[in-house]
Amino acid sequence: MPHGPRRRRFRTLAGAAAVSALLLLLPLAVVLGQEGSTVSSAPLEVHTAAGVVVKMTTSATPPFVFTPDYISDVLPGENVTIDVENLGTTPHTFTLTSLVNYTLSTSSGNLTSTFLVTHPPLVAVNITAAVGAVTVVSFTAPTQIGVYQWFCTETGHFADGMEGFLGVDESVTPPSTNTGPGLPVFIIAGTIVSLVVIAIVLGFVVGRREGTKHEMPPERLGYPEVPAEPPKEPPRSP
């Protein structure tokens, strides 16, 4: 019979190792899950009798984005002022399309030579390429109710996701909001499960081996030893 306490000890250690791995890696999974999700910050809008003022920034390093990347519920014909602060030294543009309820895909290619030639923008302003420089973008909101897209026409910026949406008398859902856990969470969750399974299997195998080492012979446990049968002789020929 195996030595009970020794085997139980190894099983306890295996369980403790599995729980420890789970507790150590779970906070990391949460952190990476949060980093994997991208949530647009809400616009800082100030409504006055003269119109609406929005504070906006552009990221300092790639991937370049507008923050915020959506503006909701602007009144038709309302004056809009956007103070765009460049956090880096890369030039950008704020270009607002003239098409309502039309979303141009970031894989559409060269904006300047194709789309914008056919559809001249409502707004096209160059953003000053200097750290901390603020470019004031002022325009009158379109009178047609709906959603309008803006983007940066510098090479590669729109393809990387430098875009946003203006809602005229409409609420706009943040285009880059991702409330899901993200890929890192699934990767780490799989790692945690694998570690737990490995710890349990190793604990069981080691415990079984240790139990076999300490197995007591039958005579020490009070059981009579079964004598071995003598070998049978082959029958003699007559």
C-alpha atoms as a PDB file:
ATOM      1  CA  MET A   1       0.000   0.000   0.000  1.00  0.00           C
ATOM      2  CA  PRO A   2       1.260   3.536  -0.708  1.00  0.00           C
ATOM      3  CA  HIS A   3       2.321   5.821   2.094  1.00  0.00           C
ATOM      4  CA  GLY A   4      -0.836   7.963   2.420  1.00  0.00           C
ATOM      5  CA  PRO A   5       0.501  11.133   4.083  1.00  0.00           C
ATOM      6  CA  ARG A   6       3.387  11.428   1.628  1.00  0.00           C
ATOM      7  CA  ARG A   7       1.115  11.213  -1.389  1.00  0.00           C
ATOM      8  CA  ARG A   8      -1.342  13.677   0.088  1.00  0.00           C
ATOM      9  CA  ARG A   9       1.552  16.069   0.753  1.00  0.00           C
ATOM     10  CA  PHE A  10       2.592  16.071  -2.888  1.00  0.00           C
ATOM     11  CA  ARG A  11      -0.962  16.530  -4.068  1.00  0.00           C
ATOM     12  CA  THR A  12      -1.300  19.481  -1.708  1.00  0.00           C
ATOM     13  CA  LEU A  13       1.896  21.006  -3.110  1.00  0.00           C
ATOM     14  CA  ALA A  14       0.633  20.556  -6.671  1.00  0.00           C
ATOM     15  CA  GLY A  15      -2.621  22.289  -5.824  1.00  0.00           C
ATOM     16  CA  ALA A  16      -0.770  25.128  -4.104  1.00  0.00           C
ATOM     17  CA  ALA A  17       1.478  25.572  -7.162  1.00  0.00           C
ATOM     18  CA  ALA A  18      -1.543  25.721  -9.477  1.00  0.00           C
ATOM     19  CA  VAL A  19      -3.351  28.284  -7.317  1.00  0.00           C
ATOM     20  CA  SER A  20      -0.176  30.385  -6.981  1.00  0.00           C
ATOM     21  CA  ALA A  21       0.311  30.452 -10.759  1.00  0.00           C
ATOM     22  CA  LEU A  22      -3.286  31.557 -11.195  1.00  0.00           C
ATOM     23  CA  LEU A  23      -3.027  34.339  -8.608  1.00  0.00           C
ATOM     24  CA  LEU A  24       0.271  35.631 -10.015  1.00  0.00           C
ATOM     25  CA  LEU A  25      -0.798  35.708 -13.655  1.00  0.00           C
ATOM     26  CA  LEU A  26      -4.371  36.932 -13.225  1.00  0.00           C
ATOM     27  CA  PRO A  27      -3.410  40.600 -12.518  1.00  0.00           C
ATOM     28  CA  LEU A  28      -1.164  40.551 -15.582  1.00  0.00           C
ATOM     29  CA  ALA A  29      -4.025  39.269 -17.689  1.00  0.00           C
ATOM     30  CA  VAL A  30      -6.233  42.083 -16.455  1.00  0.00           C
ATOM     31  CA  VAL A  31      -3.592  44.730 -17.223  1.00  0.00           C
ATOM     32  CA  LEU A  32      -2.878  43.418 -20.706  1.00  0.00           C
ATOM     33  CA  GLY A  33      -6.567  43.089 -21.352  1.00  0.00           C
ATOM     34  CA  GLN A  34      -7.020  46.735 -20.544  1.00  0.00           C
ATOM     35  CA  GLU A  35      -4.087  47.696 -22.751  1.00  0.00           C
ATOM     36  CA  GLY A  36      -5.543  45.654 -25.584  1.00  0.00           C
ATOM     37  CA  SER A  37      -8.768  47.632 -25.509  1.00  0.00           C
ATOM     38  CA  THR A  38      -8.800  51.052 -27.116  1.00  0.00           C
ATOM     39  CA  VAL A  39     -11.455  53.451 -25.883  1.00  0.00           C
ATOM     40  CA  SER A  40     -11.845  56.932 -27.295  1.00  0.00           C
ATOM     41  CA  SER A  41     -11.837  59.701 -24.735  1.00  0.00           C
ATOM     42  CA  ALA A  42     -14.956  61.829 -24.590  1.00  0.00           C
ATOM     43  CA  PRO A  43     -14.780  65.201 -26.348  1.00  0.00           C
ATOM     44  CA  LEU A  44     -14.230  68.245 -24.172  1.00  0.00           C
ATOM     45  CA  GLU A  45     -17.017  70.376 -25.590  1.00  0.00           C
ATOM     46  CA  VAL A  46     -17.903  73.883 -24.464  1.00  0.00           C
ATOM     47  CA  HIS A  47     -21.205  75.172 -25.823  1.00  0.00           C
ATOM     48  CA  THR A  48     -21.676  78.930 -26.007  1.00  0.00           C
ATOM     49  CA  ALA A  49     -24.033  81.289 -27.763  1.00  0.00           C
ATOM     50  CA  ALA A  50     -21.423  81.582 -30.506  1.00  0.00           C
ATOM     51  CA  GLY A  51     -21.240  77.823 -31.089  1.00  0.00           C
ATOM     52  CA  VAL A  52     -19.356  74.789 -29.838  1.00  0.00           C
ATOM     53  CA  VAL A  53     -15.647  74.647 -28.971  1.00  0.00           C
ATOM     54  CA  VAL A  54     -13.772  71.320 -28.874  1.00  0.00           C
ATOM     55  CA  LYS A  55     -10.278  70.683 -27.479  1.00  0.00           C
ATOM     56  CA  MET A  56      -8.448  68.096 -29.554  1.00  0.00           C
ATOM     57  CA  THR A  57      -4.924  66.651 -29.690  1.00  0.00           C
ATOM     58  CA  THR A  58      -2.918  64.588 -32.133  1.00  0.00           C
ATOM     59  CA  SER A  59      -0.629  61.841 -30.850  1.00  0.00           C
ATOM     60  CA  ALA A  60       3.117  62.502 -30.668  1.00  0.00           C
ATOM     61  CA  THR A  61       4.258  59.200 -32.198  1.00  0.00           C
ATOM     62  CA  PRO A  62       2.762  56.554 -34.497  1.00  0.00           C
ATOM     63  CA  PRO A  63       0.132  55.286 -34.687  1.00  0.00           C
ATOM     64  CA  PHE A  64      -1.220  58.815 -35.126  1.00  0.00           C
ATOM     65  CA  VAL A  65      -4.775  59.480 -33.935  1.00  0.00           C
ATOM     66  CA  PHE A  66      -7.112  62.346 -33.126  1.00  0.00           C
ATOM     67  CA  THR A  67      -8.249  62.554 -29.503  1.00  0.00           C
ATOM     68  CA  PRO A  68     -11.191  62.713 -29.317  1.00  0.00           C
ATOM     69  CA  ASP A  69     -12.098  61.065 -32.594  1.00  0.00           C
ATOM     70  CA  TYR A  70     -15.811  61.863 -32.531  1.00  0.00           C
ATOM     71  CA  ILE A  71     -18.039  64.884 -31.912  1.00  0.00           C
ATOM     72  CA  SER A  72     -21.771  64.349 -31.347  1.00  0.00           C
ATOM     73  CA  ASP A  73     -24.968  66.372 -31.580  1.00  0.00           C
ATOM     74  CA  VAL A  74     -23.677  69.508 -33.285  1.00  0.00           C
ATOM     75  CA  LEU A  75     -26.607  71.633 -34.456  1.00  0.00           C
ATOM     76  CA  PRO A  76     -27.087  72.118 -38.198  1.00  0.00           C
ATOM     77  CA  GLY A  77     -25.486  75.413 -39.219  1.00  0.00           C
ATOM     78  CA  GLU A  78     -23.802  75.827 -35.811  1.00  0.00           C
ATOM     79  CA  ASN A  79     -20.364  77.420 -35.578  1.00  0.00           C
ATOM     80  CA  VAL A  80     -17.729  74.840 -34.655  1.00  0.00           C
ATOM     81  CA  THR A  81     -14.259  75.657 -33.355  1.00  0.00           C
ATOM     82  CA  ILE A  82     -11.726  72.883 -32.805  1.00  0.00           C
ATOM     83  CA  ASP A  83      -8.453  73.710 -31.078  1.00  0.00           C
ATOM     84  CA  VAL A  84      -6.079  71.001 -32.307  1.00  0.00           C
ATOM     85  CA  GLU A  85      -2.853  70.663 -30.309  1.00  0.00           C
ATOM     86  CA  ASN A  86      -0.002  68.789 -31.958  1.00  0.00           C
ATOM     87  CA  LEU A  87       1.837  66.726 -29.334  1.00  0.00           C
ATOM     88  CA  GLY A  88       4.657  65.912 -31.759  1.00  0.00           C
ATOM     89  CA  THR A  89       6.576  67.408 -34.669  1.00  0.00           C
ATOM     90  CA  THR A  90       4.823  65.500 -37.448  1.00  0.00           C
ATOM     91  CA  PRO A  91       2.590  67.509 -39.812  1.00  0.00           C
ATOM     92  CA  HIS A  92      -1.093  66.567 -40.059  1.00  0.00           C
ATOM     93  CA  THR A  93      -4.279  67.822 -41.657  1.00  0.00           C
ATOM     94  CA  PHE A  94      -7.853  68.085 -40.460  1.00  0.00           C
ATOM     95  CA  THR A  95      -9.940  67.269 -43.525  1.00  0.00           C
ATOM     96  CA  LEU A  96     -13.724  66.992 -43.218  1.00  0.00           C
ATOM     97  CA  THR A  97     -15.560  65.177 -46.007  1.00  0.00           C
ATOM     98  CA  SER A  98     -18.571  66.690 -47.742  1.00  0.00           C
ATOM     99  CA  LEU A  99     -20.421  63.374 -47.942  1.00  0.00           C
ATOM    100  CA  VAL A 100     -23.008  62.617 -45.257  1.00  0.00           C
ATOM    101  CA  ASN A 101     -23.428  59.107 -43.829  1.00  0.00           C
ATOM    102  CA  TYR A 102     -20.550  57.809 -45.929  1.00  0.00           C
ATOM    103  CA  THR A 103     -17.541  56.111 -44.336  1.00  0.00           C
ATOM    104  CA  LEU A 104     -14.381  55.946 -46.375  1.00  0.00           C
ATOM    105  CA  SER A 105     -12.341  52.817 -45.658  1.00  0.00           C
ATOM    106  CA  THR A 106      -8.771  53.279 -44.417  1.00  0.00           C
ATOM    107  CA  SER A 107      -7.688  50.888 -47.185  1.00  0.00           C
ATOM    108  CA  SER A 108      -8.972  53.195 -49.921  1.00  0.00           C
ATOM    109  CA  GLY A 109      -5.524  54.349 -51.025  1.00  0.00           C
ATOM    110  CA  ASN A 110      -4.335  57.878 -51.784  1.00  0.00           C
ATOM    111  CA  LEU A 111      -6.988  60.315 -50.554  1.00  0.00           C
ATOM    112  CA  THR A 112      -5.529  63.408 -52.187  1.00  0.00           C
ATOM    113  CA  SER A 113      -5.332  62.094 -55.734  1.00  0.00           C
ATOM    114  CA  THR A 114      -8.584  60.129 -55.814  1.00  0.00           C
ATOM    115  CA  PHE A 115     -11.410  60.651 -53.338  1.00  0.00           C
ATOM    116  CA  LEU A 116     -10.836  64.325 -52.520  1.00  0.00           C
ATOM    117  CA  VAL A 117     -10.571  65.272 -56.189  1.00  0.00           C
ATOM    118  CA  THR A 118     -14.018  63.845 -56.863  1.00  0.00           C
ATOM    119  CA  HIS A 119     -15.486  65.014 -53.543  1.00  0.00           C
ATOM    120  CA  PRO A 120     -13.933  68.329 -52.425  1.00  0.00           C
ATOM    121  CA  PRO A 121     -13.872  68.503 -48.600  1.00  0.00           C
ATOM    122  CA  LEU A 122     -15.912  70.889 -46.484  1.00  0.00           C
ATOM    123  CA  VAL A 123     -12.846  71.664 -44.349  1.00  0.00           C
ATOM    124  CA  ALA A 124      -9.134  71.232 -45.115  1.00  0.00           C
ATOM    125  CA  VAL A 125      -6.708  72.712 -42.576  1.00  0.00           C
ATOM    126  CA  ASN A 126      -3.006  72.004 -42.095  1.00  0.00           C
ATOM    127  CA  ILE A 127      -2.035  71.329 -38.478  1.00  0.00           C
ATOM    128  CA  THR A 128       1.171  73.051 -37.408  1.00  0.00           C
ATOM    129  CA  ALA A 129       4.077  70.602 -37.044  1.00  0.00           C
ATOM    130  CA  ALA A 130       5.499  71.729 -33.702  1.00  0.00           C
ATOM    131  CA  VAL A 131       5.244  70.327 -30.197  1.00  0.00           C
ATOM    132  CA  GLY A 132       2.491  72.141 -28.314  1.00  0.00           C
ATOM    133  CA  ALA A 133       1.383  74.176 -31.328  1.00  0.00           C
ATOM    134  CA  VAL A 134      -2.374  74.770 -31.413  1.00  0.00           C
ATOM    135  CA  THR A 135      -4.139  75.063 -34.754  1.00  0.00           C
ATOM    136  CA  VAL A 136      -7.630  76.561 -34.708  1.00  0.00           C
ATOM    137  CA  VAL A 137     -10.076  74.861 -37.067  1.00  0.00           C
ATOM    138  CA  SER A 138     -13.279  76.879 -37.520  1.00  0.00           C
ATOM    139  CA  PHE A 139     -16.214  76.019 -39.765  1.00  0.00           C
ATOM    140  CA  THR A 140     -19.992  76.027 -39.974  1.00  0.00           C
ATOM    141  CA  ALA A 141     -21.630  72.665 -39.419  1.00  0.00           C
ATOM    142  CA  PRO A 142     -23.468  71.264 -42.467  1.00  0.00           C
ATOM    143  CA  THR A 143     -27.216  71.782 -42.559  1.00  0.00           C
ATOM    144  CA  GLN A 144     -27.925  68.212 -43.629  1.00  0.00           C
ATOM    145  CA  ILE A 145     -28.427  65.955 -40.605  1.00  0.00           C
ATOM    146  CA  GLY A 146     -26.170  62.920 -40.397  1.00  0.00           C
ATOM    147  CA  VAL A 147     -22.601  61.788 -39.761  1.00  0.00           C
ATOM    148  CA  TYR A 148     -19.539  63.231 -41.500  1.00  0.00           C
ATOM    149  CA  GLN A 149     -16.041  61.746 -41.493  1.00  0.00           C
ATOM    150  CA  TRP A 150     -12.771  63.601 -41.028  1.00  0.00           C
ATOM    151  CA  PHE A 151      -9.225  62.329 -41.508  1.00  0.00           C
ATOM    152  CA  CYS A 152      -5.579  63.240 -41.977  1.00  0.00           C
ATOM    153  CA  THR A 153      -4.342  63.255 -45.555  1.00  0.00           C
ATOM    154  CA  GLU A 154      -0.638  62.917 -44.741  1.00  0.00           C
ATOM    155  CA  THR A 155       0.775  59.747 -46.302  1.00  0.00           C
ATOM    156  CA  GLY A 156      -0.053  56.665 -44.268  1.00  0.00           C
ATOM    157  CA  HIS A 157      -1.810  58.466 -41.427  1.00  0.00           C
ATOM    158  CA  PHE A 158      -5.380  57.709 -42.484  1.00  0.00           C
ATOM    159  CA  ALA A 159      -4.440  54.103 -43.194  1.00  0.00           C
ATOM    160  CA  ASP A 160      -3.185  53.857 -39.610  1.00  0.00           C
ATOM    161  CA  GLY A 161      -6.529  55.066 -38.266  1.00  0.00           C
ATOM    162  CA  MET A 162      -6.161  58.839 -38.051  1.00  0.00           C
ATOM    163  CA  GLU A 163      -9.827  59.668 -38.557  1.00  0.00           C
ATOM    164  CA  GLY A 164     -12.946  60.803 -36.714  1.00  0.00           C
ATOM    165  CA  PHE A 165     -16.659  61.462 -37.101  1.00  0.00           C
ATOM    166  CA  LEU A 166     -18.856  64.538 -36.700  1.00  0.00           C
ATOM    167  CA  GLY A 167     -22.504  64.004 -35.846  1.00  0.00           C
ATOM    168  CA  VAL A 168     -24.827  66.776 -36.978  1.00  0.00           C
ATOM    169  CA  ASP A 169     -27.948  66.514 -34.811  1.00  0.00           C
ATOM    170  CA  GLU A 170     -26.966  62.891 -34.238  1.00  0.00           C
ATOM    171  CA  SER A 171     -25.080  60.973 -31.552  1.00  0.00           C
ATOM    172  CA  VAL A 172     -21.917  59.274 -32.755  1.00  0.00           C
ATOM    173  CA  THR A 173     -20.661  56.017 -31.315  1.00  0.00           C
ATOM    174  CA  PRO A 174     -16.900  56.227 -30.649  1.00  0.00           C
ATOM    175  CA  PRO A 175     -15.448  54.413 -33.697  1.00  0.00           C
ATOM    176  CA  SER A 176     -12.423  52.995 -31.880  1.00  0.00           C
ATOM    177  CA  THR A 177     -14.238  51.769 -28.768  1.00  0.00           C
ATOM    178  CA  ASN A 178     -13.436  48.151 -27.982  1.00  0.00           C
ATOM    179  CA  THR A 179     -14.948  46.874 -24.764  1.00  0.00           C
ATOM    180  CA  GLY A 180     -13.922  43.269 -25.342  1.00  0.00           C
ATOM    181  CA  PRO A 181     -11.084  41.623 -23.439  1.00  0.00           C
ATOM    182  CA  GLY A 182      -8.674  41.649 -26.363  1.00  0.00           C
ATOM    183  CA  LEU A 183      -6.304  38.965 -27.622  1.00  0.00           C
ATOM    184  CA  PRO A 184      -3.780  39.171 -24.729  1.00  0.00           C
ATOM    185  CA  VAL A 185      -6.423  38.037 -22.245  1.00  0.00           C
ATOM    186  CA  PHE A 186      -7.150  34.896 -24.246  1.00  0.00           C
ATOM    187  CA  ILE A 187      -3.441  34.148 -24.617  1.00  0.00           C
ATOM    188  CA  ILE A 188      -2.764  34.536 -20.895  1.00  0.00           C
ATOM    189  CA  ALA A 189      -5.915  32.629 -19.956  1.00  0.00           C
ATOM    190  CA  GLY A 190      -4.700  29.733 -22.080  1.00  0.00           C
ATOM    191  CA  THR A 191      -1.281  29.957 -20.424  1.00  0.00           C
ATOM    192  CA  ILE A 192      -2.852  29.877 -16.964  1.00  0.00           C
ATOM    193  CA  VAL A 193      -4.928  26.812 -17.802  1.00  0.00           C
ATOM    194  CA  SER A 194      -1.869  25.060 -19.235  1.00  0.00           C
ATOM    195  CA  LEU A 195       0.201  25.808 -16.117  1.00  0.00           C
ATOM    196  CA  VAL A 196      -2.554  24.538 -13.842  1.00  0.00           C
ATOM    197  CA  VAL A 197      -2.894  21.299 -15.795  1.00  0.00           C
ATOM    198  CA  ILE A 198       0.895  20.774 -15.865  1.00  0.00           C
ATOM    199  CA  ALA A 199       1.185  21.441 -12.124  1.00  0.00           C
ATOM    200  CA  ILE A 200      -1.566  18.942 -11.317  1.00  0.00           C
ATOM    201  CA  VAL A 201      -0.126  16.251 -13.605  1.00  0.00           C
ATOM    202  CA  LEU A 202       3.401  16.710 -12.254  1.00  0.00           C
ATOM    203  CA  GLY A 203       2.132  16.633  -8.680  1.00  0.00           C
ATOM    204  CA  PHE A 204       0.234  13.414  -9.334  1.00  0.00           C
ATOM    205  CA  VAL A 205       3.201  11.728 -11.062  1.00  0.00           C
ATOM    206  CA  VAL A 206       5.737  12.792  -8.426  1.00  0.00           C
ATOM    207  CA  GLY A 207       3.386  11.851  -5.623  1.00  0.00           C
ATOM    208  CA  ARG A 208       2.819   8.425  -7.119  1.00  0.00           C
ATOM    209  CA  ARG A 209       6.534   7.812  -7.500  1.00  0.00           C
ATOM    210  CA  GLU A 210       7.224   8.899  -3.947  1.00  0.00           C
ATOM    211  CA  GLY A 211       4.382   6.732  -2.699  1.00  0.00           C
ATOM    212  CA  THR A 212       5.823   3.734  -4.516  1.00  0.00           C
ATOM    213  CA  LYS A 213       9.205   4.307  -2.892  1.00  0.00           C
ATOM    214  CA  HIS A 214       7.645   4.226   0.545  1.00  0.00           C
ATOM    215  CA  GLU A 215       5.375   1.284  -0.128  1.00  0.00           C
ATOM    216  CA  MET A 216       5.605  -1.132   2.783  1.00  0.00           C
ATOM    217  CA  PRO A 217       6.090  -4.876   2.199  1.00  0.00           C
ATOM    218  CA  PRO A 218       3.092  -7.083   3.021  1.00  0.00           C
ATOM    219  CA  GLU A 219       4.786  -8.794   5.995  1.00  0.00           C
ATOM    220  CA  ARG A 220       5.297  -5.403   7.720  1.00  0.00           C
ATOM    221  CA  LEU A 221       1.614  -4.664   7.398  1.00  0.00           C
ATOM    222  CA  GLY A 222       0.661  -7.986   9.026  1.00  0.00           C
ATOM    223  CA  TYR A 223      -0.367  -9.764   5.844  1.00  0.00           C
ATOM    224  CA  PRO A 224       1.063 -13.275   5.229  1.00  0.00           C
ATOM    225  CA  GLU A 225       3.389 -13.452   2.307  1.00  0.00           C
ATOM    226  CA  VAL A 226       2.052 -15.598  -0.488  1.00  0.00           C
ATOM    227  CA  PRO A 227       4.632 -18.335  -1.244  1.00  0.00           C
ATOM    228  CA  ALA A 228       5.764 -18.599  -4.803  1.00  0.00           C
ATOM    229  CA  GLU A 229       4.630 -21.729  -6.663  1.00  0.00           C
ATOM    230  CA  PRO A 230       7.439 -24.171  -7.519  1.00  0.00           C
ATOM    231  CA  PRO A 231       8.117 -24.575 -11.220  1.00  0.00           C
ATOM    232  CA  LYS A 232       6.236 -27.433 -12.849  1.00  0.00           C
ATOM    233  CA  GLU A 233       8.266 -30.314 -14.233  1.00  0.00           C
ATOM    234  CA  PRO A 234       7.588 -31.377 -17.793  1.00  0.00           C
ATOM    235  CA  PRO A 235       5.733 -34.714 -18.113  1.00  0.00           C
ATOM    236  CA  ARG A 236       7.999 -37.725 -18.563  1.00  0.00           C
ATOM    237  CA  SER A 237       7.621 -39.843 -21.645  1.00  0.00           C
ATOM    238  CA  PRO A 238       6.626 -43.518 -20.944  1.00  0.00           C
END
